Amino acid sequence: MALISERVALARAGANDKVICRMPSGWAVMGDVQFLQGYSLLLPDPVVPSLNDLGIEARAAYLHDMARLGDALLQATGALRINYEILGNSEPELHCHLFPRYASEPDEKRRMPAWFYDWKAAPPFDESLHGELRQKLAALLRAP
């Protein structure tokens, strides 16, 4: 099973500890690592290969949920902006990375894509450290 399909299956089973909440188009989840506090992903449910494989209504719902997650991240973290990335080159199933970007980042990092961070040295998601933010995001996303 491919990684995104595996993560969605775990979320459906209540076994993905990084789930923020279920959204109309899929699952908002915290990133495996938190080199940028609040790094999150939106995983579609059902899983499809790419954005272009969604019908017009499902595509609109996914993009709307992506923006809602970004709004919640801005509110919860105080980030300057959110970078949104849908790639699919190494994991050929639709998923969107949401990277909060902060004024506190070194200039040389803040001006570059988040992929230039050292992901191997990044702190892993840890409920005791990141759970409060995960819960805050869930509350913001559940609010009307």
Protein backbone atom coordinates (compact mmCIF):
# COMPACT_ATOMS: atom_id res chain seq x y z
CA MET A 1 0.00 0.00 0.00
CA ALA A 2 1.34 3.45 -0.90
CA LEU A 3 2.11 5.91 1.90
CA ILE A 4 -0.86 8.27 1.46
CA SER A 5 -3.32 5.35 1.17
CA GLU A 6 -1.77 3.84 4.29
CA ARG A 7 -2.12 7.09 6.25
CA VAL A 8 -5.75 7.51 5.17
CA ALA A 9 -6.53 3.90 6.15
CA LEU A 10 -4.99 4.55 9.58
CA ALA A 11 -7.02 7.76 9.94
CA ARG A 12 -10.26 5.93 9.07
CA ALA A 13 -9.42 3.31 11.70
CA GLY A 14 -8.68 5.95 14.34
CA ALA A 15 -5.06 4.79 14.44
CA ASN A 16 -3.26 7.83 12.97
CA ASP A 17 -1.99 9.87 15.94
CA LYS A 18 -1.28 12.88 13.72
CA VAL A 19 -4.90 13.46 12.68
CA ILE A 20 -6.11 16.98 13.31
CA CYS A 21 -9.64 16.27 12.11
CA ARG A 22 -11.79 14.85 9.33
CA MET A 23 -12.70 17.46 6.74
CA PRO A 24 -15.27 17.18 3.93
CA SER A 25 -12.60 16.24 1.36
CA GLY A 26 -10.27 14.16 3.54
CA TRP A 27 -8.01 14.33 6.58
CA ALA A 28 -6.03 17.21 8.02
CA VAL A 29 -2.92 15.76 9.68
CA MET A 30 0.22 17.05 11.33
CA GLY A 31 3.47 16.39 9.50
CA ASP A 32 5.70 13.54 10.64
CA VAL A 33 8.36 16.14 11.47
CA GLN A 34 7.88 19.66 12.79
CA PHE A 35 10.86 21.67 11.54
CA LEU A 36 8.32 24.44 10.97
CA GLN A 37 5.83 24.45 13.86
CA GLY A 38 2.44 23.45 12.49
CA TYR A 39 3.63 21.75 9.30
CA SER A 40 0.52 19.90 8.15
CA LEU A 41 -0.90 17.96 5.25
CA LEU A 42 -4.31 17.48 3.70
CA LEU A 43 -4.90 13.89 2.60
CA PRO A 44 -7.89 13.20 0.32
CA ASP A 45 -10.44 10.53 1.15
CA PRO A 46 -10.87 8.69 -1.09
CA VAL A 47 -7.26 8.76 -2.27
CA VAL A 48 -6.69 9.66 -5.92
CA PRO A 49 -3.50 10.01 -7.98
CA SER A 50 -3.73 13.78 -8.50
CA LEU A 51 -5.93 16.86 -8.20
CA ASN A 52 -6.88 16.40 -11.83
CA ASP A 53 -8.41 13.01 -11.03
CA LEU A 54 -11.09 14.62 -8.86
CA GLY A 55 -14.41 15.68 -10.32
CA ILE A 56 -15.17 19.40 -10.31
CA GLU A 57 -17.12 19.36 -7.00
CA ALA A 58 -14.59 17.14 -5.21
CA ARG A 59 -11.75 19.31 -6.54
CA ALA A 60 -13.45 22.46 -5.25
CA ALA A 61 -14.03 20.83 -1.85
CA TYR A 62 -10.37 19.76 -1.60
CA LEU A 63 -9.06 23.22 -2.48
CA HIS A 64 -11.54 24.83 -0.08
CA ASP A 65 -10.42 22.52 2.73
CA MET A 66 -6.80 23.29 1.89
CA ALA A 67 -7.46 27.02 2.29
CA ARG A 68 -9.43 26.46 5.52
CA LEU A 69 -6.54 24.49 6.99
CA GLY A 70 -4.22 27.31 5.96
CA ASP A 71 -6.49 29.87 7.65
CA ALA A 72 -6.49 27.79 10.84
CA LEU A 73 -2.69 27.51 10.74
CA LEU A 74 -2.32 31.27 10.37
CA GLN A 75 -4.64 31.88 13.31
CA ALA A 76 -3.14 29.19 15.55
CA THR A 77 0.55 29.87 14.88
CA GLY A 78 0.83 33.56 14.05
CA ALA A 79 2.81 32.64 10.93
CA LEU A 80 3.46 35.31 8.29
CA ARG A 81 2.06 33.15 5.50
CA ILE A 82 1.34 29.59 4.47
CA ASN A 83 3.15 27.87 1.60
CA TYR A 84 0.96 25.28 -0.14
CA GLU A 85 2.59 22.51 -2.16
CA ILE A 86 1.00 19.70 -4.13
CA LEU A 87 3.82 17.69 -5.65
CA GLY A 88 3.23 13.95 -6.03
CA ASN A 89 6.60 13.12 -7.55
CA SER A 90 7.82 10.67 -4.91
CA GLU A 91 4.38 9.80 -3.49
CA PRO A 92 2.08 9.63 -6.55
CA GLU A 93 -1.14 10.11 -4.59
CA LEU A 94 -2.78 13.49 -4.01
CA HIS A 95 -1.70 15.26 -0.84
CA CYS A 96 -0.99 18.89 -0.04
CA HIS A 97 1.82 20.08 2.23
CA LEU A 98 1.04 23.23 4.24
CA PHE A 99 4.11 24.99 5.60
CA PRO A 100 3.66 27.91 8.02
CA ARG A 101 6.43 30.42 7.40
CA TYR A 102 7.67 32.62 10.23
CA ALA A 103 9.43 35.96 10.64
CA SER A 104 11.75 34.19 13.08
CA GLU A 105 13.19 31.94 10.36
CA PRO A 106 16.70 32.85 9.18
CA ASP A 107 16.45 34.96 5.99
CA GLU A 108 18.26 32.36 3.91
CA LYS A 109 15.70 29.72 4.97
CA ARG A 110 12.56 31.88 4.90
CA ARG A 111 13.13 32.90 1.29
CA MET A 112 13.65 29.31 0.11
CA PRO A 113 11.23 26.38 -0.20
CA ALA A 114 10.78 24.42 3.01
CA TRP A 115 12.47 21.47 1.32
CA PHE A 116 15.82 23.18 1.98
CA TYR A 117 15.48 22.48 5.71
CA ASP A 118 17.27 19.42 7.06
CA TRP A 119 14.33 17.04 7.37
CA LYS A 120 16.47 14.28 8.90
CA ALA A 121 17.46 16.56 11.79
CA ALA A 122 13.93 17.91 12.28
CA PRO A 123 12.08 17.12 15.50
CA PRO A 124 9.50 14.36 14.96
CA PHE A 125 5.87 15.02 15.74
CA ASP A 126 5.40 14.39 19.45
CA GLU A 127 1.96 14.66 21.05
CA SER A 128 3.48 15.99 24.28
CA LEU A 129 5.12 18.86 22.36
CA HIS A 130 2.73 19.42 19.45
CA GLY A 131 -0.59 18.06 20.72
CA GLU A 132 -1.82 21.40 22.01
CA LEU A 133 -1.39 22.94 18.55
CA ARG A 134 -3.03 19.90 16.91
CA GLN A 135 -6.03 20.30 19.23
CA LYS A 136 -6.22 24.06 18.64
CA LEU A 137 -6.26 23.48 14.89
CA ALA A 138 -9.02 20.89 15.28
CA ALA A 139 -11.13 23.34 17.28
CA LEU A 140 -10.63 26.09 14.71
CA LEU A 141 -11.57 23.76 11.85
CA ARG A 142 -14.70 22.51 13.64
CA ALA A 143 -15.90 26.05 14.38
CA PRO A 144 -18.65 27.35 12.07
